[in-house]
Amino acid sequence: MRRINIDIIIKKVKEMCIYANQNLGDDVLGRINQSLKNEQSPIGIDILEKLLLNAKIAKENRMPICQDTGMAVLFIEIGQDIIIDGGSLTEAINEGVRQGYNEGYLRKSVVEDPLLRINTKDNTPAIIHYNLVPGNSLKISFAPKGFGSENMSRLKMLKPADGIEGVKEFVLETVSEAGPNPCPPIVVGVGIGGTMEKACILAKKALLRDLGLYNKKEHIKALEIELLEKINDLGIGPQGFGGNTTAIGVNIEVFPTHIAGLPVAVNLNCHVSRHMHIEL
């Protein structure tokens, strides 16, 4: 059995909170640069250039890429041959978030009760998804989730007869109705299958996959490529001012489901699409 002390976890989570909020990922930078070459709208080109400049300033000055530094979402893969020493893993993760948002001067956006709306003042608690896996490593995936895009996300319980065309229609409808609100160019995470809540988790997890890494299932990969093309044909464009760069990626995750259902969730990310991974 391998032992990992919570102090290491706290330190790593803290560092992830700060780094992910200040540095645009290479995959996202690559897609924006690629889109800049293909964008046909002069306003769209100007906006994409400003997004790249914003990312450069944020990195050089160690400032947040966006003022909404998000609610901390973490996916944790725990090797079954690991022992966590020194305390609770959940408490360690939340302490890392607390320290990261305080030391990184990141906006605290979490309220302790959804109706009373009193701010927790340290951006905790985090949203944590655990998965027990074989091995003796601990993998941490972190995504600060801004709510301009989160609020535009949707779930629909399709009928099996709706099939793949029903899935396409729902994804395109969701993006179209969201318009400029999620700060395009967006990344579209889609979860298909499972149950109601599983589809939503799949859609969220899809946003953690680097852009350009397609689903391993060929029919799902083809759907990702087709939907990205159709979304960019909507004409919403960068920040909603028109153009052919409405999205820079569509990532889809699937899971087995019941014979009577076809759950589909769409989780949108703004253009910064912050995410990073470490393994201890």
C-alpha atoms as a PDB file:
ATOM      1  CA  MET A   1       0.000   0.000   0.000  1.00  0.00           C
ATOM      2  CA  ARG A   2       1.264   3.466  -0.906  1.00  0.00           C
ATOM      3  CA  ARG A   3       0.675   6.367   1.470  1.00  0.00           C
ATOM      4  CA  ILE A   4       0.038   9.980   0.428  1.00  0.00           C
ATOM      5  CA  ASN A   5      -0.056  12.707   3.037  1.00  0.00           C
ATOM      6  CA  ILE A   6      -2.834  15.284   2.851  1.00  0.00           C
ATOM      7  CA  ASP A   7      -0.288  18.133   2.972  1.00  0.00           C
ATOM      8  CA  ILE A   8       0.881  17.157  -0.522  1.00  0.00           C
ATOM      9  CA  ILE A   9      -2.700  17.101  -1.772  1.00  0.00           C
ATOM     10  CA  ILE A  10      -3.460  20.505  -0.247  1.00  0.00           C
ATOM     11  CA  LYS A  11      -0.362  22.017  -1.862  1.00  0.00           C
ATOM     12  CA  LYS A  12      -1.106  20.550  -5.314  1.00  0.00           C
ATOM     13  CA  VAL A  13      -4.761  21.577  -5.316  1.00  0.00           C
ATOM     14  CA  LYS A  14      -3.787  25.099  -4.248  1.00  0.00           C
ATOM     15  CA  GLU A  15      -1.298  25.339  -7.105  1.00  0.00           C
ATOM     16  CA  MET A  16      -3.841  24.022  -9.609  1.00  0.00           C
ATOM     17  CA  CYS A  17      -6.424  26.612  -8.557  1.00  0.00           C
ATOM     18  CA  ILE A  18      -3.985  29.445  -9.179  1.00  0.00           C
ATOM     19  CA  TYR A  19      -2.338  28.116 -12.340  1.00  0.00           C
ATOM     20  CA  ALA A  20      -5.520  27.108 -14.161  1.00  0.00           C
ATOM     21  CA  ASN A  21      -7.080  30.515 -13.548  1.00  0.00           C
ATOM     22  CA  GLN A  22      -4.054  32.393 -14.861  1.00  0.00           C
ATOM     23  CA  ASN A  23      -2.929  30.285 -17.820  1.00  0.00           C
ATOM     24  CA  LEU A  24      -4.927  29.400 -20.909  1.00  0.00           C
ATOM     25  CA  GLY A  25      -4.284  25.763 -21.837  1.00  0.00           C
ATOM     26  CA  ASP A  26      -2.129  24.964 -24.855  1.00  0.00           C
ATOM     27  CA  ASP A  27      -5.005  23.028 -26.431  1.00  0.00           C
ATOM     28  CA  VAL A  28      -7.319  26.040 -26.150  1.00  0.00           C
ATOM     29  CA  LEU A  29      -4.652  28.454 -27.408  1.00  0.00           C
ATOM     30  CA  GLY A  30      -4.047  26.191 -30.373  1.00  0.00           C
ATOM     31  CA  ARG A  31      -7.718  26.060 -31.305  1.00  0.00           C
ATOM     32  CA  ILE A  32      -8.173  29.835 -30.989  1.00  0.00           C
ATOM     33  CA  ASN A  33      -5.108  30.441 -33.177  1.00  0.00           C
ATOM     34  CA  GLN A  34      -6.438  27.948 -35.702  1.00  0.00           C
ATOM     35  CA  SER A  35      -9.848  29.636 -35.650  1.00  0.00           C
ATOM     36  CA  LEU A  36      -8.199  33.001 -36.216  1.00  0.00           C
ATOM     37  CA  LYS A  37      -6.898  31.744 -39.563  1.00  0.00           C
ATOM     38  CA  ASN A  38     -10.342  30.523 -40.602  1.00  0.00           C
ATOM     39  CA  GLU A  39     -12.563  33.275 -39.224  1.00  0.00           C
ATOM     40  CA  GLN A  40     -14.234  35.295 -41.977  1.00  0.00           C
ATOM     41  CA  SER A  41     -15.779  38.098 -39.933  1.00  0.00           C
ATOM     42  CA  PRO A  42     -13.559  41.185 -39.354  1.00  0.00           C
ATOM     43  CA  ILE A  43     -15.208  41.731 -35.961  1.00  0.00           C
ATOM     44  CA  GLY A  44     -14.719  38.048 -35.170  1.00  0.00           C
ATOM     45  CA  ILE A  45     -11.021  38.273 -36.047  1.00  0.00           C
ATOM     46  CA  ASP A  46     -10.622  41.353 -33.851  1.00  0.00           C
ATOM     47  CA  ILE A  47     -12.273  39.614 -30.891  1.00  0.00           C
ATOM     48  CA  LEU A  48     -10.189  36.462 -31.250  1.00  0.00           C
ATOM     49  CA  GLU A  49      -7.043  38.594 -31.306  1.00  0.00           C
ATOM     50  CA  LYS A  50      -8.196  40.355 -28.141  1.00  0.00           C
ATOM     51  CA  LEU A  51      -8.855  37.006 -26.435  1.00  0.00           C
ATOM     52  CA  LEU A  52      -5.291  35.934 -27.212  1.00  0.00           C
ATOM     53  CA  LEU A  53      -3.956  39.272 -25.951  1.00  0.00           C
ATOM     54  CA  ASN A  54      -6.002  38.890 -22.775  1.00  0.00           C
ATOM     55  CA  ALA A  55      -4.511  35.431 -22.216  1.00  0.00           C
ATOM     56  CA  LYS A  56      -0.986  36.796 -22.760  1.00  0.00           C
ATOM     57  CA  ILE A  57      -1.507  39.632 -20.255  1.00  0.00           C
ATOM     58  CA  ALA A  58      -3.008  37.241 -17.687  1.00  0.00           C
ATOM     59  CA  LYS A  59      -0.067  34.840 -17.940  1.00  0.00           C
ATOM     60  CA  GLU A  60       2.639  37.510 -17.850  1.00  0.00           C
ATOM     61  CA  ASN A  61       1.083  39.406 -14.940  1.00  0.00           C
ATOM     62  CA  ARG A  62      -0.188  36.348 -13.061  1.00  0.00           C
ATOM     63  CA  MET A  63      -3.746  37.577 -13.179  1.00  0.00           C
ATOM     64  CA  PRO A  64      -6.994  35.668 -13.759  1.00  0.00           C
ATOM     65  CA  ILE A  65      -7.903  35.167 -17.412  1.00  0.00           C
ATOM     66  CA  CYS A  66     -11.505  35.991 -16.468  1.00  0.00           C
ATOM     67  CA  GLN A  67     -13.005  37.774 -13.481  1.00  0.00           C
ATOM     68  CA  ASP A  68     -15.281  34.764 -12.894  1.00  0.00           C
ATOM     69  CA  THR A  69     -12.772  32.346 -11.411  1.00  0.00           C
ATOM     70  CA  GLY A  70     -15.502  29.766 -11.122  1.00  0.00           C
ATOM     71  CA  MET A  71     -16.727  27.151  -8.729  1.00  0.00           C
ATOM     72  CA  ALA A  72     -14.019  24.548  -8.172  1.00  0.00           C
ATOM     73  CA  VAL A  73     -14.905  21.229  -9.813  1.00  0.00           C
ATOM     74  CA  LEU A  74     -12.591  18.251  -9.322  1.00  0.00           C
ATOM     75  CA  PHE A  75     -12.605  14.704 -10.649  1.00  0.00           C
ATOM     76  CA  ILE A  76     -10.523  12.411  -8.449  1.00  0.00           C
ATOM     77  CA  GLU A  77      -9.309   8.953  -9.466  1.00  0.00           C
ATOM     78  CA  ILE A  78      -8.124   7.108  -6.364  1.00  0.00           C
ATOM     79  CA  GLY A  79      -6.017   4.001  -6.741  1.00  0.00           C
ATOM     80  CA  GLN A  80      -7.377   1.263  -4.507  1.00  0.00           C
ATOM     81  CA  ASP A  81      -3.838   0.619  -3.204  1.00  0.00           C
ATOM     82  CA  ILE A  82      -3.522   4.090  -1.676  1.00  0.00           C
ATOM     83  CA  ILE A  83      -3.871   5.213   1.924  1.00  0.00           C
ATOM     84  CA  ILE A  84      -4.487   8.911   2.593  1.00  0.00           C
ATOM     85  CA  ASP A  85      -2.498   9.934   5.666  1.00  0.00           C
ATOM     86  CA  GLY A  86      -3.170  12.841   7.973  1.00  0.00           C
ATOM     87  CA  GLY A  87      -6.881  13.429   7.590  1.00  0.00           C
ATOM     88  CA  SER A  88      -9.836  13.508   5.242  1.00  0.00           C
ATOM     89  CA  LEU A  89      -9.244  13.624   1.491  1.00  0.00           C
ATOM     90  CA  THR A  90     -12.338  15.787   0.973  1.00  0.00           C
ATOM     91  CA  GLU A  91     -11.224  18.235   3.656  1.00  0.00           C
ATOM     92  CA  ALA A  92      -7.739  18.350   2.130  1.00  0.00           C
ATOM     93  CA  ILE A  93      -9.156  19.186  -1.310  1.00  0.00           C
ATOM     94  CA  ASN A  94     -11.319  21.946   0.124  1.00  0.00           C
ATOM     95  CA  GLU A  95      -8.368  23.332   2.074  1.00  0.00           C
ATOM     96  CA  GLY A  96      -6.353  23.429  -1.136  1.00  0.00           C
ATOM     97  CA  VAL A  97      -9.171  25.328  -2.855  1.00  0.00           C
ATOM     98  CA  ARG A  98      -9.414  27.693   0.117  1.00  0.00           C
ATOM     99  CA  GLN A  99      -5.699  28.465   0.062  1.00  0.00           C
ATOM    100  CA  GLY A 100      -5.535  28.728  -3.706  1.00  0.00           C
ATOM    101  CA  TYR A 101      -8.362  31.216  -4.011  1.00  0.00           C
ATOM    102  CA  ASN A 102      -7.042  33.298  -1.114  1.00  0.00           C
ATOM    103  CA  GLU A 103      -3.357  33.319  -2.060  1.00  0.00           C
ATOM    104  CA  GLY A 104      -4.109  33.714  -5.776  1.00  0.00           C
ATOM    105  CA  TYR A 105      -6.462  36.668  -5.155  1.00  0.00           C
ATOM    106  CA  LEU A 106      -9.170  34.827  -7.050  1.00  0.00           C
ATOM    107  CA  ARG A 107     -12.804  35.864  -6.823  1.00  0.00           C
ATOM    108  CA  LYS A 108     -14.809  33.944  -4.253  1.00  0.00           C
ATOM    109  CA  SER A 109     -18.093  33.038  -5.911  1.00  0.00           C
ATOM    110  CA  VAL A 110     -19.675  30.363  -3.701  1.00  0.00           C
ATOM    111  CA  VAL A 111     -22.690  30.955  -1.453  1.00  0.00           C
ATOM    112  CA  GLU A 112     -23.372  28.542   1.398  1.00  0.00           C
ATOM    113  CA  ASP A 113     -27.117  28.290   0.767  1.00  0.00           C
ATOM    114  CA  PRO A 114     -28.638  28.570  -2.727  1.00  0.00           C
ATOM    115  CA  LEU A 115     -31.583  30.594  -1.403  1.00  0.00           C
ATOM    116  CA  LEU A 116     -30.096  32.663   1.446  1.00  0.00           C
ATOM    117  CA  ARG A 117     -27.073  33.596  -0.757  1.00  0.00           C
ATOM    118  CA  ILE A 118     -24.462  34.203   1.965  1.00  0.00           C
ATOM    119  CA  ASN A 119     -20.932  34.007   0.531  1.00  0.00           C
ATOM    120  CA  THR A 120     -18.596  31.419   2.076  1.00  0.00           C
ATOM    121  CA  LYS A 121     -15.725  33.863   1.435  1.00  0.00           C
ATOM    122  CA  ASP A 122     -13.217  31.192   0.411  1.00  0.00           C
ATOM    123  CA  ASN A 123     -14.829  29.557  -2.658  1.00  0.00           C
ATOM    124  CA  THR A 124     -15.529  26.323  -0.820  1.00  0.00           C
ATOM    125  CA  PRO A 125     -17.002  23.784  -0.818  1.00  0.00           C
ATOM    126  CA  ALA A 126     -15.709  22.346  -4.075  1.00  0.00           C
ATOM    127  CA  ILE A 127     -17.712  19.979  -6.279  1.00  0.00           C
ATOM    128  CA  ILE A 128     -15.830  16.664  -6.045  1.00  0.00           C
ATOM    129  CA  HIS A 129     -16.436  13.505  -8.074  1.00  0.00           C
ATOM    130  CA  TYR A 130     -14.632  10.381  -6.866  1.00  0.00           C
ATOM    131  CA  ASN A 131     -13.807   7.252  -8.813  1.00  0.00           C
ATOM    132  CA  LEU A 132     -12.033   4.243  -7.295  1.00  0.00           C
ATOM    133  CA  VAL A 133      -9.656   2.593  -9.769  1.00  0.00           C
ATOM    134  CA  PRO A 134      -6.938  -0.098  -9.706  1.00  0.00           C
ATOM    135  CA  GLY A 135      -3.384   0.962  -8.879  1.00  0.00           C
ATOM    136  CA  ASN A 136      -1.508   3.169  -6.419  1.00  0.00           C
ATOM    137  CA  SER A 137      -1.752   6.625  -7.966  1.00  0.00           C
ATOM    138  CA  LEU A 138      -3.986   9.595  -7.262  1.00  0.00           C
ATOM    139  CA  LYS A 139      -5.138  11.563 -10.301  1.00  0.00           C
ATOM    140  CA  ILE A 140      -6.626  15.020  -9.832  1.00  0.00           C
ATOM    141  CA  SER A 141      -8.445  16.857 -12.615  1.00  0.00           C
ATOM    142  CA  PHE A 142      -9.435  20.443 -11.863  1.00  0.00           C
ATOM    143  CA  ALA A 143     -11.815  22.762 -13.682  1.00  0.00           C
ATOM    144  CA  PRO A 144     -12.907  26.144 -12.318  1.00  0.00           C
ATOM    145  CA  LYS A 145     -16.423  26.434 -13.765  1.00  0.00           C
ATOM    146  CA  GLY A 146     -17.719  29.903 -14.535  1.00  0.00           C
ATOM    147  CA  PHE A 147     -21.470  30.313 -14.408  1.00  0.00           C
ATOM    148  CA  GLY A 148     -22.004  32.464 -17.475  1.00  0.00           C
ATOM    149  CA  SER A 149     -21.602  29.234 -19.397  1.00  0.00           C
ATOM    150  CA  GLU A 150     -22.895  26.895 -16.686  1.00  0.00           C
ATOM    151  CA  ASN A 151     -26.240  28.705 -16.656  1.00  0.00           C
ATOM    152  CA  MET A 152     -26.688  27.955 -20.361  1.00  0.00           C
ATOM    153  CA  SER A 153     -26.352  24.177 -19.872  1.00  0.00           C
ATOM    154  CA  ARG A 154     -29.306  21.826 -20.273  1.00  0.00           C
ATOM    155  CA  LEU A 155     -30.538  18.267 -19.753  1.00  0.00           C
ATOM    156  CA  LYS A 156     -33.175  16.455 -21.765  1.00  0.00           C
ATOM    157  CA  MET A 157     -34.578  12.976 -21.395  1.00  0.00           C
ATOM    158  CA  LEU A 158     -35.020  11.936 -25.007  1.00  0.00           C
ATOM    159  CA  LYS A 159     -36.960   8.886 -26.129  1.00  0.00           C
ATOM    160  CA  PRO A 160     -34.892   6.065 -27.665  1.00  0.00           C
ATOM    161  CA  ALA A 161     -36.804   6.636 -30.912  1.00  0.00           C
ATOM    162  CA  ASP A 162     -35.354  10.169 -31.080  1.00  0.00           C
ATOM    163  CA  GLY A 163     -32.000   8.555 -31.813  1.00  0.00           C
ATOM    164  CA  ILE A 164     -28.899  10.347 -33.019  1.00  0.00           C
ATOM    165  CA  GLU A 165     -30.918  12.985 -34.893  1.00  0.00           C
ATOM    166  CA  GLY A 166     -32.676  13.887 -31.652  1.00  0.00           C
ATOM    167  CA  VAL A 167     -29.311  14.261 -29.941  1.00  0.00           C
ATOM    168  CA  LYS A 168     -28.017  16.548 -32.696  1.00  0.00           C
ATOM    169  CA  GLU A 169     -31.153  18.666 -32.608  1.00  0.00           C
ATOM    170  CA  PHE A 170     -30.972  19.111 -28.833  1.00  0.00           C
ATOM    171  CA  VAL A 171     -27.279  20.090 -28.847  1.00  0.00           C
ATOM    172  CA  LEU A 172     -27.781  22.629 -31.643  1.00  0.00           C
ATOM    173  CA  GLU A 173     -30.908  24.012 -29.985  1.00  0.00           C
ATOM    174  CA  THR A 174     -29.041  24.463 -26.688  1.00  0.00           C
ATOM    175  CA  VAL A 175     -26.145  26.323 -28.308  1.00  0.00           C
ATOM    176  CA  SER A 176     -28.462  28.439 -30.457  1.00  0.00           C
ATOM    177  CA  GLU A 177     -30.587  29.530 -27.504  1.00  0.00           C
ATOM    178  CA  ALA A 178     -27.482  30.272 -25.430  1.00  0.00           C
ATOM    179  CA  GLY A 179     -26.294  32.719 -28.093  1.00  0.00           C
ATOM    180  CA  PRO A 180     -23.634  35.122 -26.743  1.00  0.00           C
ATOM    181  CA  ASN A 181     -24.315  34.390 -23.058  1.00  0.00           C
ATOM    182  CA  PRO A 182     -21.638  31.709 -22.489  1.00  0.00           C
ATOM    183  CA  CYS A 183     -18.891  33.938 -23.980  1.00  0.00           C
ATOM    184  CA  PRO A 184     -18.143  32.167 -27.254  1.00  0.00           C
ATOM    185  CA  PRO A 185     -16.165  30.679 -28.826  1.00  0.00           C
ATOM    186  CA  ILE A 186     -17.334  27.911 -26.527  1.00  0.00           C
ATOM    187  CA  VAL A 187     -16.430  24.323 -25.799  1.00  0.00           C
ATOM    188  CA  VAL A 188     -19.441  22.011 -25.799  1.00  0.00           C
ATOM    189  CA  GLY A 189     -19.456  19.040 -23.448  1.00  0.00           C
ATOM    190  CA  VAL A 190     -22.088  16.405 -24.168  1.00  0.00           C
ATOM    191  CA  GLY A 191     -23.037  13.435 -22.008  1.00  0.00           C
ATOM    192  CA  ILE A 192     -25.184  10.691 -23.510  1.00  0.00           C
ATOM    193  CA  GLY A 193     -26.578   7.744 -21.572  1.00  0.00           C
ATOM    194  CA  GLY A 194     -26.710   6.511 -18.020  1.00  0.00           C
ATOM    195  CA  THR A 195     -29.398   8.162 -15.893  1.00  0.00           C
ATOM    196  CA  MET A 196     -30.380  11.795 -15.470  1.00  0.00           C
ATOM    197  CA  GLU A 197     -27.500  12.647 -13.127  1.00  0.00           C
ATOM    198  CA  LYS A 198     -24.972  10.439 -14.930  1.00  0.00           C
ATOM    199  CA  ALA A 199     -25.528  12.259 -18.221  1.00  0.00           C
ATOM    200  CA  CYS A 200     -24.767  15.581 -16.515  1.00  0.00           C
ATOM    201  CA  ILE A 201     -21.560  14.246 -14.964  1.00  0.00           C
ATOM    202  CA  LEU A 202     -20.509  12.828 -18.330  1.00  0.00           C
ATOM    203  CA  ALA A 203     -21.044  16.230 -19.971  1.00  0.00           C
ATOM    204  CA  LYS A 204     -18.966  17.914 -17.275  1.00  0.00           C
ATOM    205  CA  LYS A 205     -16.218  15.318 -17.558  1.00  0.00           C
ATOM    206  CA  ALA A 206     -16.176  15.752 -21.343  1.00  0.00           C
ATOM    207  CA  LEU A 207     -15.033  19.351 -20.841  1.00  0.00           C
ATOM    208  CA  LEU A 208     -11.875  18.089 -19.126  1.00  0.00           C
ATOM    209  CA  ARG A 209     -10.634  16.349 -22.262  1.00  0.00           C
ATOM    210  CA  ASP A 210      -8.046  18.334 -24.218  1.00  0.00           C
ATOM    211  CA  LEU A 211      -9.319  19.769 -27.479  1.00  0.00           C
ATOM    212  CA  GLY A 212      -8.231  17.681 -30.428  1.00  0.00           C
ATOM    213  CA  LEU A 213      -8.446  14.418 -28.478  1.00  0.00           C
ATOM    214  CA  TYR A 214     -11.513  12.763 -29.917  1.00  0.00           C
ATOM    215  CA  ASN A 215     -13.692  10.064 -28.388  1.00  0.00           C
ATOM    216  CA  LYS A 216     -12.195   6.628 -29.042  1.00  0.00           C
ATOM    217  CA  LYS A 217     -15.461   5.318 -30.462  1.00  0.00           C
ATOM    218  CA  GLU A 218     -15.501   6.101 -34.177  1.00  0.00           C
ATOM    219  CA  HIS A 219     -19.221   6.914 -34.395  1.00  0.00           C
ATOM    220  CA  ILE A 220     -18.914   9.306 -31.442  1.00  0.00           C
ATOM    221  CA  LYS A 221     -15.809  10.915 -32.952  1.00  0.00           C
ATOM    222  CA  ALA A 222     -17.751  11.458 -36.165  1.00  0.00           C
ATOM    223  CA  LEU A 223     -20.568  13.041 -34.172  1.00  0.00           C
ATOM    224  CA  GLU A 224     -18.128  15.399 -32.415  1.00  0.00           C
ATOM    225  CA  ILE A 225     -16.733  16.564 -35.764  1.00  0.00           C
ATOM    226  CA  GLU A 226     -20.175  16.954 -37.347  1.00  0.00           C
ATOM    227  CA  LEU A 227     -21.634  18.905 -34.429  1.00  0.00           C
ATOM    228  CA  LEU A 228     -18.672  21.299 -34.297  1.00  0.00           C
ATOM    229  CA  GLU A 229     -19.182  22.094 -37.975  1.00  0.00           C
ATOM    230  CA  LYS A 230     -22.927  22.600 -37.560  1.00  0.00           C
ATOM    231  CA  ILE A 231     -22.500  24.753 -34.452  1.00  0.00           C
ATOM    232  CA  ASN A 232     -20.072  27.016 -36.304  1.00  0.00           C
ATOM    233  CA  ASP A 233     -22.590  27.301 -39.121  1.00  0.00           C
ATOM    234  CA  LEU A 234     -25.030  28.935 -36.674  1.00  0.00           C
ATOM    235  CA  GLY A 235     -23.235  32.260 -37.188  1.00  0.00           C
ATOM    236  CA  ILE A 236     -23.170  33.310 -33.506  1.00  0.00           C
ATOM    237  CA  GLY A 237     -19.439  33.934 -33.692  1.00  0.00           C
ATOM    238  CA  PRO A 238     -16.902  35.221 -31.142  1.00  0.00           C
ATOM    239  CA  GLN A 239     -18.690  36.873 -28.216  1.00  0.00           C
ATOM    240  CA  GLY A 240     -21.914  36.692 -30.230  1.00  0.00           C
ATOM    241  CA  PHE A 241     -20.980  39.379 -32.791  1.00  0.00           C
ATOM    242  CA  GLY A 242     -21.251  37.044 -35.763  1.00  0.00           C
ATOM    243  CA  GLY A 243     -18.787  34.853 -37.566  1.00  0.00           C
ATOM    244  CA  ASN A 244     -17.950  31.223 -38.106  1.00  0.00           C
ATOM    245  CA  THR A 245     -16.178  30.593 -34.788  1.00  0.00           C
ATOM    246  CA  THR A 246     -18.985  29.869 -32.347  1.00  0.00           C
ATOM    247  CA  ALA A 247     -17.244  26.833 -30.832  1.00  0.00           C
ATOM    248  CA  ILE A 248     -13.666  25.573 -30.724  1.00  0.00           C
ATOM    249  CA  GLY A 249     -14.526  22.062 -29.630  1.00  0.00           C
ATOM    250  CA  VAL A 250     -17.242  19.473 -29.042  1.00  0.00           C
ATOM    251  CA  ASN A 251     -16.386  16.655 -26.625  1.00  0.00           C
ATOM    252  CA  ILE A 252     -18.819  13.790 -26.089  1.00  0.00           C
ATOM    253  CA  GLU A 253     -18.803  11.056 -23.432  1.00  0.00           C
ATOM    254  CA  VAL A 254     -21.215   8.123 -23.444  1.00  0.00           C
ATOM    255  CA  PHE A 255     -22.360   5.464 -20.981  1.00  0.00           C
ATOM    256  CA  PRO A 256     -24.729   2.478 -21.127  1.00  0.00           C
ATOM    257  CA  THR A 257     -28.368   3.336 -20.437  1.00  0.00           C
ATOM    258  CA  HIS A 258     -31.801   1.796 -19.913  1.00  0.00           C
ATOM    259  CA  ILE A 259     -33.792   0.373 -22.834  1.00  0.00           C
ATOM    260  CA  ALA A 260     -36.498   2.998 -22.227  1.00  0.00           C
ATOM    261  CA  GLY A 261     -34.300   6.090 -22.132  1.00  0.00           C
ATOM    262  CA  LEU A 262     -31.847   8.338 -23.945  1.00  0.00           C
ATOM    263  CA  PRO A 263     -30.612  10.976 -21.465  1.00  0.00           C
ATOM    264  CA  VAL A 264     -28.603  13.815 -23.017  1.00  0.00           C
ATOM    265  CA  ALA A 265     -26.860  16.627 -21.155  1.00  0.00           C
ATOM    266  CA  VAL A 266     -25.094  19.624 -22.676  1.00  0.00           C
ATOM    267  CA  ASN A 267     -22.580  21.470 -20.504  1.00  0.00           C
ATOM    268  CA  LEU A 268     -21.101  24.605 -22.058  1.00  0.00           C
ATOM    269  CA  ASN A 269     -17.725  26.162 -21.315  1.00  0.00           C
ATOM    270  CA  CYS A 270     -16.657  29.681 -22.187  1.00  0.00           C
ATOM    271  CA  HIS A 271     -13.650  30.285 -24.437  1.00  0.00           C
ATOM    272  CA  VAL A 272     -11.103  29.923 -21.601  1.00  0.00           C
ATOM    273  CA  SER A 273     -12.264  26.330 -20.926  1.00  0.00           C
ATOM    274  CA  ARG A 274      -9.960  26.019 -17.914  1.00  0.00           C
ATOM    275  CA  HIS A 275      -8.851  22.494 -17.009  1.00  0.00           C
ATOM    276  CA  MET A 276      -5.701  20.732 -15.862  1.00  0.00           C
ATOM    277  CA  HIS A 277      -4.601  17.343 -14.575  1.00  0.00           C
ATOM    278  CA  ILE A 278      -1.913  16.026 -12.239  1.00  0.00           C
ATOM    279  CA  GLU A 279      -0.996  12.563 -10.990  1.00  0.00           C
ATOM    280  CA  LEU A 280       0.584  11.874  -7.598  1.00  0.00           C
END
